[in-house]
C-alpha atoms as a PDB file:
ATOM      1  CA  UNK A   1      -0.100   0.013  -0.013  1.00  0.00           C
ATOM      2  CA  UNK A   2       2.638   2.566   1.023  1.00  0.00           C
ATOM      3  CA  UNK A   3       4.531   2.164  -2.333  1.00  0.00           C
ATOM      4  CA  UNK A   4       1.683   3.436  -4.229  1.00  0.00           C
ATOM      5  CA  UNK A   5       1.161   6.588  -2.263  1.00  0.00           C
ATOM      6  CA  UNK A   6       2.276   9.881  -3.460  1.00  0.00           C
ATOM      7  CA  UNK A   7       5.021  11.470  -1.347  1.00  0.00           C
ATOM      8  CA  UNK A   8       2.911  13.925   0.361  1.00  0.00           C
ATOM      9  CA  UNK A   9       0.498  11.281   1.379  1.00  0.00           C
ATOM     10  CA  UNK A  10       3.040   8.809   2.401  1.00  0.00           C
ATOM     11  CA  UNK A  11       4.370  11.393   4.854  1.00  0.00           C
ATOM     12  CA  UNK A  12       1.055  12.125   6.155  1.00  0.00           C
ATOM     13  CA  UNK A  13       0.412   8.300   7.213  1.00  0.00           C
ATOM     14  CA  UNK A  14       3.941   7.462   8.137  1.00  0.00           C
ATOM     15  CA  UNK A  15       3.669   8.433  11.829  1.00  0.00           C
ATOM     16  CA  UNK A  16       0.864   5.785  12.207  1.00  0.00           C
ATOM     17  CA  UNK A  17       3.144   3.088  10.609  1.00  0.00           C
ATOM     18  CA  UNK A  18       6.235   4.006  12.655  1.00  0.00           C
ATOM     19  CA  UNK A  19       3.985   3.678  15.725  1.00  0.00           C
ATOM     20  CA  UNK A  20       3.094   0.234  14.613  1.00  0.00           C
ATOM     21  CA  UNK A  21       6.503  -0.607  13.889  1.00  0.00           C
ATOM     22  CA  UNK A  22       7.671   0.461  17.295  1.00  0.00           C
ATOM     23  CA  UNK A  23       4.867  -0.919  19.259  1.00  0.00           C
ATOM     24  CA  UNK A  24       3.979  -4.147  17.415  1.00  0.00           C
ATOM     25  CA  UNK A  25       7.633  -4.915  15.855  1.00  0.00           C
ATOM     26  CA  UNK A  26       7.307  -8.025  13.808  1.00  0.00           C
ATOM     27  CA  UNK A  27       3.848  -8.993  14.890  1.00  0.00           C
ATOM     28  CA  UNK A  28       2.615  -7.224  11.847  1.00  0.00           C
ATOM     29  CA  UNK A  29       3.783  -6.950   8.209  1.00  0.00           C
ATOM     30  CA  UNK A  30       4.489  -3.211   8.669  1.00  0.00           C
ATOM     31  CA  UNK A  31       8.168  -3.850   9.047  1.00  0.00           C
ATOM     32  CA  UNK A  32       8.634  -5.653   5.832  1.00  0.00           C
ATOM     33  CA  UNK A  33       6.790  -2.532   3.941  1.00  0.00           C
ATOM     34  CA  UNK A  34       8.646   0.148   5.896  1.00  0.00           C
ATOM     35  CA  UNK A  35      12.135  -1.371   5.306  1.00  0.00           C
ATOM     36  CA  UNK A  36      11.865  -1.073   1.536  1.00  0.00           C
ATOM     37  CA  UNK A  37       9.935   2.227   1.352  1.00  0.00           C
ATOM     38  CA  UNK A  38      12.257   4.004   3.964  1.00  0.00           C
ATOM     39  CA  UNK A  39      15.475   2.671   2.152  1.00  0.00           C
ATOM     40  CA  UNK A  40      17.223   5.186  -0.038  1.00  0.00           C
ATOM     41  CA  UNK A  41      18.766   2.240  -2.186  1.00  0.00           C
ATOM     42  CA  UNK A  42      15.293   0.632  -2.808  1.00  0.00           C
ATOM     43  CA  UNK A  43      12.908   3.346  -2.934  1.00  0.00           C
ATOM     44  CA  UNK A  44      13.097   5.469  -6.069  1.00  0.00           C
ATOM     45  CA  UNK A  45      10.913   8.149  -4.379  1.00  0.00           C
ATOM     46  CA  UNK A  46      13.166   8.439  -1.395  1.00  0.00           C
ATOM     47  CA  UNK A  47      14.389  12.118  -2.017  1.00  0.00           C
ATOM     48  CA  UNK A  48      10.953  13.269  -2.741  1.00  0.00           C
ATOM     49  CA  UNK A  49       9.592  11.700   0.430  1.00  0.00           C
ATOM     50  CA  UNK A  50      12.543  12.908   2.624  1.00  0.00           C
ATOM     51  CA  UNK A  51      12.249  16.538   1.061  1.00  0.00           C
ATOM     52  CA  UNK A  52       8.534  16.675   2.376  1.00  0.00           C
ATOM     53  CA  UNK A  53       9.678  16.003   5.861  1.00  0.00           C
ATOM     54  CA  UNK A  54      10.961  18.519   8.401  1.00  0.00           C
ATOM     55  CA  UNK A  55      14.317  17.766  10.089  1.00  0.00           C
ATOM     56  CA  UNK A  56      12.522  16.701  13.212  1.00  0.00           C
ATOM     57  CA  UNK A  57      10.325  14.121  11.245  1.00  0.00           C
ATOM     58  CA  UNK A  58      13.546  12.600   9.554  1.00  0.00           C
ATOM     59  CA  UNK A  59      15.078  12.277  13.007  1.00  0.00           C
ATOM     60  CA  UNK A  60      11.885  10.670  14.232  1.00  0.00           C
ATOM     61  CA  UNK A  61      12.064   8.260  11.475  1.00  0.00           C
ATOM     62  CA  UNK A  62      15.686   7.231  12.317  1.00  0.00           C
ATOM     63  CA  UNK A  63      14.827   6.965  16.080  1.00  0.00           C
ATOM     64  CA  UNK A  64      11.718   4.652  15.303  1.00  0.00           C
ATOM     65  CA  UNK A  65      14.080   2.550  13.232  1.00  0.00           C
ATOM     66  CA  UNK A  66      16.599   2.370  16.040  1.00  0.00           C
ATOM     67  CA  UNK A  67      13.907   1.237  18.435  1.00  0.00           C
ATOM     68  CA  UNK A  68      12.842  -1.389  16.147  1.00  0.00           C
ATOM     69  CA  UNK A  69      16.328  -2.627  15.362  1.00  0.00           C
ATOM     70  CA  UNK A  70      16.927  -2.843  19.230  1.00  0.00           C
ATOM     71  CA  UNK A  71      13.791  -4.901  19.756  1.00  0.00           C
ATOM     72  CA  UNK A  72      14.543  -7.548  17.178  1.00  0.00           C
ATOM     73  CA  UNK A  73      17.204  -9.780  15.967  1.00  0.00           C
ATOM     74  CA  UNK A  74      18.939 -11.205  12.999  1.00  0.00           C
ATOM     75  CA  UNK A  75      18.143 -10.177   9.383  1.00  0.00           C
ATOM     76  CA  UNK A  76      15.297  -7.720  10.412  1.00  0.00           C
ATOM     77  CA  UNK A  77      17.600  -5.914  12.931  1.00  0.00           C
ATOM     78  CA  UNK A  78      20.343  -5.640  10.265  1.00  0.00           C
ATOM     79  CA  UNK A  79      18.001  -4.420   7.615  1.00  0.00           C
ATOM     80  CA  UNK A  80      16.737  -1.802   9.974  1.00  0.00           C
ATOM     81  CA  UNK A  81      20.192  -0.671  10.770  1.00  0.00           C
ATOM     82  CA  UNK A  82      20.867  -0.254   7.208  1.00  0.00           C
ATOM     83  CA  UNK A  83      17.792   1.572   6.638  1.00  0.00           C
ATOM     84  CA  UNK A  84      18.707   3.976   9.433  1.00  0.00           C
ATOM     85  CA  UNK A  85      21.823   4.919   7.399  1.00  0.00           C
ATOM     86  CA  UNK A  86      19.489   6.456   4.661  1.00  0.00           C
ATOM     87  CA  UNK A  87      18.140   8.746   7.292  1.00  0.00           C
ATOM     88  CA  UNK A  88      21.404   9.686   8.944  1.00  0.00           C
ATOM     89  CA  UNK A  89      22.984  10.788   5.734  1.00  0.00           C
ATOM     90  CA  UNK A  90      20.359  13.435   5.001  1.00  0.00           C
END
């Protein structure tokens, strides 16, 4: 669903998805979707999405990803840490 949203709409709904990521972790499929859409290397619209966000919003994305990475293990944690780099190099 998220990959079909225009950048402005994606930014509008992102807080709800980040909340689910932090609170539910891998109990939902949110993490699979977010790890693709929030990854600069995988998401062609990454720069358009990031440019619609404030500095504070970009920091919150990285913090949510860090919380998720700390709460899980294995490949999911590694992927989250890689995606965090996309948001730290803004």
